[in-house]
C-alpha atoms as a PDB file:
ATOM      1  CA  MET A   1      16.132   1.926 -42.860  1.00  0.00           C
ATOM      2  CA  SER A   2      13.056   4.168 -43.172  1.00  0.00           C
ATOM      3  CA  LYS A   3      12.498   7.181 -40.971  1.00  0.00           C
ATOM      4  CA  SER A   4       9.449   5.574 -39.320  1.00  0.00           C
ATOM      5  CA  ALA A   5      11.452   2.407 -38.563  1.00  0.00           C
ATOM      6  CA  VAL A   6      14.187   4.500 -36.932  1.00  0.00           C
ATOM      7  CA  ARG A   7      11.601   6.460 -34.952  1.00  0.00           C
ATOM      8  CA  GLY A   8       9.909   3.200 -33.882  1.00  0.00           C
ATOM      9  CA  TYR A   9      13.233   1.761 -32.681  1.00  0.00           C
ATOM     10  CA  TYR A  10      14.054   4.988 -30.849  1.00  0.00           C
ATOM     11  CA  ASP A  11      10.566   5.074 -29.284  1.00  0.00           C
ATOM     12  CA  ASP A  12      10.906   1.451 -28.176  1.00  0.00           C
ATOM     13  CA  LYS A  13      14.153   2.297 -26.360  1.00  0.00           C
ATOM     14  CA  ARG A  14      12.481   5.263 -24.674  1.00  0.00           C
ATOM     15  CA  LYS A  15       9.456   3.157 -23.758  1.00  0.00           C
ATOM     16  CA  LEU A  16      11.698   0.579 -22.102  1.00  0.00           C
ATOM     17  CA  LYS A  17      13.578   3.262 -20.210  1.00  0.00           C
ATOM     18  CA  PHE A  18      10.298   4.837 -19.084  1.00  0.00           C
ATOM     19  CA  LEU A  19       8.955   1.479 -17.883  1.00  0.00           C
ATOM     20  CA  LYS A  20      12.178   0.713 -16.025  1.00  0.00           C
ATOM     21  CA  TYR A  21      12.009   3.998 -14.123  1.00  0.00           C
ATOM     22  CA  LEU A  22       8.275   3.639 -13.538  1.00  0.00           C
ATOM     23  CA  SER A  23       8.774   0.242 -11.926  1.00  0.00           C
ATOM     24  CA  ASN A  24      11.260   1.781  -9.492  1.00  0.00           C
ATOM     25  CA  SER A  25       9.509   5.069  -8.773  1.00  0.00           C
ATOM     26  CA  SER A  26       5.782   4.665  -9.514  1.00  0.00           C
ATOM     27  CA  HIS A  27       6.029   8.281 -10.676  1.00  0.00           C
ATOM     28  CA  VAL A  28       4.915   8.939 -14.243  1.00  0.00           C
ATOM     29  CA  ALA A  29       6.360  12.439 -14.665  1.00  0.00           C
ATOM     30  CA  ALA A  30       9.770  11.524 -13.218  1.00  0.00           C
ATOM     31  CA  SER A  31       9.891   8.374 -15.348  1.00  0.00           C
ATOM     32  CA  ALA A  32       9.011  10.308 -18.505  1.00  0.00           C
ATOM     33  CA  LYS A  33      11.734  12.837 -17.742  1.00  0.00           C
ATOM     34  CA  ALA A  34      14.270  10.038 -17.174  1.00  0.00           C
ATOM     35  CA  ALA A  35      13.302   8.547 -20.546  1.00  0.00           C
ATOM     36  CA  GLY A  36      13.698  11.932 -22.231  1.00  0.00           C
ATOM     37  CA  VAL A  37      10.055  12.312 -23.263  1.00  0.00           C
ATOM     38  CA  SER A  38       7.122  14.436 -22.205  1.00  0.00           C
ATOM     39  CA  VAL A  39       4.331  13.175 -19.983  1.00  0.00           C
ATOM     40  CA  SER A  40       1.881  13.697 -22.853  1.00  0.00           C
ATOM     41  CA  THR A  41       4.007  11.399 -25.025  1.00  0.00           C
ATOM     42  CA  VAL A  42       3.855   8.499 -22.578  1.00  0.00           C
ATOM     43  CA  TYR A  43       0.113   8.932 -22.178  1.00  0.00           C
ATOM     44  CA  HIS A  44      -0.193   8.999 -25.975  1.00  0.00           C
ATOM     45  CA  TRP A  45       1.792   5.747 -26.193  1.00  0.00           C
ATOM     46  CA  ARG A  46      -0.385   4.241 -23.491  1.00  0.00           C
ATOM     47  CA  SER A  47      -3.609   5.134 -25.291  1.00  0.00           C
ATOM     48  CA  ARG A  48      -2.392   3.818 -28.664  1.00  0.00           C
ATOM     49  CA  ASP A  49      -0.371   0.740 -27.720  1.00  0.00           C
ATOM     50  CA  PRO A  50      -2.177  -2.026 -25.768  1.00  0.00           C
ATOM     51  CA  ASP A  51       1.086  -3.834 -25.033  1.00  0.00           C
ATOM     52  CA  PHE A  52       2.641  -0.665 -23.661  1.00  0.00           C
ATOM     53  CA  TYR A  53      -0.459  -0.127 -21.516  1.00  0.00           C
ATOM     54  CA  LYS A  54      -0.118  -3.681 -20.151  1.00  0.00           C
ATOM     55  CA  TYR A  55       3.590  -3.169 -19.372  1.00  0.00           C
ATOM     56  CA  TRP A  56       2.804   0.226 -17.800  1.00  0.00           C
ATOM     57  CA  MET A  57       0.356  -1.403 -15.401  1.00  0.00           C
ATOM     58  CA  GLN A  58       2.834  -4.170 -14.590  1.00  0.00           C
ATOM     59  CA  ALA A  59       5.570  -1.599 -13.936  1.00  0.00           C
ATOM     60  CA  LEU A  60       3.250   0.321 -11.597  1.00  0.00           C
ATOM     61  CA  ALA A  61       2.415  -2.879  -9.754  1.00  0.00           C
ATOM     62  CA  VAL A  62       6.115  -3.624  -9.278  1.00  0.00           C
ATOM     63  CA  GLY A  63       6.726  -0.059  -8.100  1.00  0.00           C
ATOM     64  CA  TYR A  64       3.911  -0.258  -5.573  1.00  0.00           C
ATOM     65  CA  GLU A  65       5.178  -3.594  -4.300  1.00  0.00           C
ATOM     66  CA  LEU A  66       8.625  -2.063  -3.757  1.00  0.00           C
ATOM     67  CA  LEU A  67       7.095   0.902  -1.951  1.00  0.00           C
ATOM     68  CA  GLU A  68       4.993  -1.388   0.159  1.00  0.00           C
ATOM     69  CA  MET A  69       8.042  -3.425   1.160  1.00  0.00           C
ATOM     70  CA  GLU A  70       9.891  -0.250   2.146  1.00  0.00           C
ATOM     71  CA  LEU A  71       6.938   0.937   4.226  1.00  0.00           C
ATOM     72  CA  LEU A  72       6.525  -2.480   5.806  1.00  0.00           C
ATOM     73  CA  ASP A  73      10.206  -2.454   6.761  1.00  0.00           C
ATOM     74  CA  ARG A  74       9.797   0.980   8.363  1.00  0.00           C
ATOM     75  CA  ALA A  75       6.668  -0.098  10.232  1.00  0.00           C
ATOM     76  CA  ARG A  76       8.342  -3.250  11.565  1.00  0.00           C
ATOM     77  CA  ASN A  77      11.863  -2.004  12.206  1.00  0.00           C
ATOM     78  CA  GLY A  78      11.345   1.724  12.688  1.00  0.00           C
ATOM     79  CA  THR A  79      13.549   4.485  11.381  1.00  0.00           C
ATOM     80  CA  GLU A  80      16.551   6.003  13.061  1.00  0.00           C
ATOM     81  CA  LYS A  81      16.092   9.514  14.365  1.00  0.00           C
ATOM     82  CA  HIS A  82      18.943  11.639  15.620  1.00  0.00           C
ATOM     83  CA  VAL A  83      18.495  13.460  18.927  1.00  0.00           C
ATOM     84  CA  PHE A  84      20.239  16.813  19.251  1.00  0.00           C
ATOM     85  CA  HIS A  85      20.984  18.907  22.300  1.00  0.00           C
ATOM     86  CA  ALA A  86      22.594  22.313  22.103  1.00  0.00           C
ATOM     87  CA  GLY A  87      23.267  21.744  18.418  1.00  0.00           C
ATOM     88  CA  LYS A  88      25.127  18.470  18.924  1.00  0.00           C
ATOM     89  CA  LYS A  89      23.939  14.971  18.193  1.00  0.00           C
ATOM     90  CA  VAL A  90      23.668  13.192  21.525  1.00  0.00           C
ATOM     91  CA  ALA A  91      21.787  10.023  20.647  1.00  0.00           C
ATOM     92  CA  THR A  92      20.036   7.993  18.011  1.00  0.00           C
ATOM     93  CA  VAL A  93      16.645   6.462  18.721  1.00  0.00           C
ATOM     94  CA  LYS A  94      14.350   4.224  16.739  1.00  0.00           C
ATOM     95  CA  GLU A  95      11.070   5.829  15.837  1.00  0.00           C
ATOM     96  CA  PHE A  96       8.017   3.749  14.928  1.00  0.00           C
ATOM     97  CA  ASN A  97       5.015   4.981  12.990  1.00  0.00           C
ATOM     98  CA  ASP A  98       2.057   2.993  14.310  1.00  0.00           C
ATOM     99  CA  GLY A  99      -0.301   4.739  11.902  1.00  0.00           C
ATOM    100  CA  LEU A 100       1.688   3.371   8.989  1.00  0.00           C
ATOM    101  CA  GLY A 101       1.524  -0.130  10.434  1.00  0.00           C
ATOM    102  CA  VAL A 102      -2.243   0.095  10.902  1.00  0.00           C
ATOM    103  CA  LYS A 103      -2.723   1.291   7.323  1.00  0.00           C
ATOM    104  CA  LEU A 104      -0.664  -1.615   6.020  1.00  0.00           C
ATOM    105  CA  LEU A 105      -2.662  -4.065   8.108  1.00  0.00           C
ATOM    106  CA  LEU A 106      -5.924  -2.649   6.800  1.00  0.00           C
ATOM    107  CA  ALA A 107      -4.648  -2.789   3.229  1.00  0.00           C
ATOM    108  CA  HIS A 108      -3.817  -6.468   3.601  1.00  0.00           C
ATOM    109  CA  LYS A 109      -6.745  -7.549   5.743  1.00  0.00           C
ATOM    110  CA  GLN A 110      -8.997  -8.363   2.783  1.00  0.00           C
ATOM    111  CA  MET A 111      -6.212 -10.153   0.897  1.00  0.00           C
ATOM    112  CA  VAL A 112      -5.377 -12.282   3.935  1.00  0.00           C
ATOM    113  CA  ALA A 113      -9.049 -13.135   4.452  1.00  0.00           C
ATOM    114  CA  LEU A 114      -9.406 -14.139   0.809  1.00  0.00           C
ATOM    115  CA  THR A 115      -6.253 -16.257   0.962  1.00  0.00           C
ATOM    116  CA  ARG A 116      -7.454 -18.034   4.088  1.00  0.00           C
ATOM    117  CA  THR A 117     -10.838 -18.570   2.494  1.00  0.00           C
ATOM    118  CA  LEU A 118      -9.244 -20.229  -0.506  1.00  0.00           C
ATOM    119  CA  GLU A 119      -6.947 -22.344   1.650  1.00  0.00           C
ATOM    120  CA  ASP A 120      -9.704 -23.452   4.028  1.00  0.00           C
ATOM    121  CA  ASN A 121     -12.334 -23.772   1.299  1.00  0.00           C
ATOM    122  CA  ILE A 122     -14.624 -21.367   3.179  1.00  0.00           C
ATOM    123  CA  SER A 123     -17.441 -19.702   1.294  1.00  0.00           C
ATOM    124  CA  PRO A 124     -17.679 -15.885   1.062  1.00  0.00           C
ATOM    125  CA  GLU A 125     -20.966 -16.108   2.990  1.00  0.00           C
ATOM    126  CA  GLN A 126     -19.177 -17.813   5.894  1.00  0.00           C
ATOM    127  CA  VAL A 127     -16.519 -15.091   5.917  1.00  0.00           C
ATOM    128  CA  ARG A 128     -19.200 -12.386   5.826  1.00  0.00           C
ATOM    129  CA  ALA A 129     -21.116 -14.040   8.694  1.00  0.00           C
ATOM    130  CA  SER A 130     -17.924 -14.290  10.748  1.00  0.00           C
ATOM    131  CA  LEU A 131     -17.113 -10.626  10.155  1.00  0.00           C
ATOM    132  CA  ASP A 132     -20.682  -9.630  11.021  1.00  0.00           C
ATOM    133  CA  ARG A 133     -20.419 -11.545  14.322  1.00  0.00           C
ATOM    134  CA  LYS A 134     -17.117  -9.881  15.166  1.00  0.00           C
ATOM    135  CA  LEU A 135     -18.450  -6.428  14.311  1.00  0.00           C
ATOM    136  CA  GLY A 136     -21.569  -7.117  16.402  1.00  0.00           C
ATOM    137  CA  ASP A 137     -19.404  -8.122  19.369  1.00  0.00           C
ATOM    138  CA  MET A 138     -17.293  -4.983  18.984  1.00  0.00           C
ATOM    139  CA  ARG A 139     -20.426  -2.808  18.814  1.00  0.00           C
ATOM    140  CA  ALA A 140     -21.882  -4.435  21.935  1.00  0.00           C
ATOM    141  CA  LYS A 141     -18.633  -3.864  23.866  1.00  0.00           C
ATOM    142  CA  LEU A 142     -18.544  -0.237  22.753  1.00  0.00           C
ATOM    143  CA  LEU A 143     -22.149   0.319  23.846  1.00  0.00           C
ATOM    144  CA  ARG A 144     -21.465  -1.322  27.246  1.00  0.00           C
ATOM    145  CA  ARG A 145     -18.409   0.891  27.749  1.00  0.00           C
ATOM    146  CA  ARG A 146     -20.381   4.010  26.839  1.00  0.00           C
ATOM    147  CA  ALA A 147     -23.133   3.020  29.247  1.00  0.00           C
ATOM    148  CA  LEU A 148     -20.552   2.511  32.008  1.00  0.00           C
ATOM    149  CA  ALA A 149     -18.935   5.850  31.226  1.00  0.00           C
ATOM    150  CA  ASP A 150     -22.349   7.524  31.430  1.00  0.00           C
ATOM    151  CA  GLY A 151     -23.071   5.754  34.725  1.00  0.00           C
ATOM    152  CA  GLN A 152     -25.950   3.790  33.268  1.00  0.00           C
ATOM    153  CA  GLY A 153     -24.623   0.277  33.521  1.00  0.00           C
ATOM    154  CA  LYS A 154     -23.083  -2.138  35.952  1.00  0.00           C
ATOM    155  CA  PRO A 155     -19.530  -3.399  35.441  1.00  0.00           C
ATOM    156  CA  SER A 156     -19.465  -6.776  33.747  1.00  0.00           C
ATOM    157  CA  THR A 157     -17.545  -9.699  35.152  1.00  0.00           C
ATOM    158  CA  SER A 158     -16.973 -11.154  31.705  1.00  0.00           C
ATOM    159  CA  ALA A 159     -13.366 -11.452  30.573  1.00  0.00           C
ATOM    160  CA  ASN A 160     -14.505 -10.638  27.026  1.00  0.00           C
ATOM    161  CA  ASP A 161     -15.361  -7.038  27.840  1.00  0.00           C
ATOM    162  CA  ASP A 162     -11.762  -5.847  27.662  1.00  0.00           C
END
């Protein structure tokens, strides 16, 4: 077997190991280290090998999906936090990160809207018009609340002003 064939086989094994770690960590430097290669080597492979580039992107997508699932679990179920008093653990409470939940909702809002559009056969223009109406309603409510806070308006009897 020629030296280049041996090197190619060895590189293929390292590429696979790199991709495996990348799909679990989404961290290029840590994945390169786990595969026993430098970061510059993996970027060199990526720039020269279209298949490797494709697999790299797929591995990143898998890694981000795993991370997203972990974050979604934390947002929905909270994380356990130990409570200490006088140096002793006295309780365990669930802590929820609402900011994380909001960020996940925002990240998925467009995807959900697109999915619903496809399922309901709604045109992008209809979605845009609906969003514009909702944003207009939100703006009007905000302006009414500001006017009330500044003493310039009368309280509304509408149930939609909440």
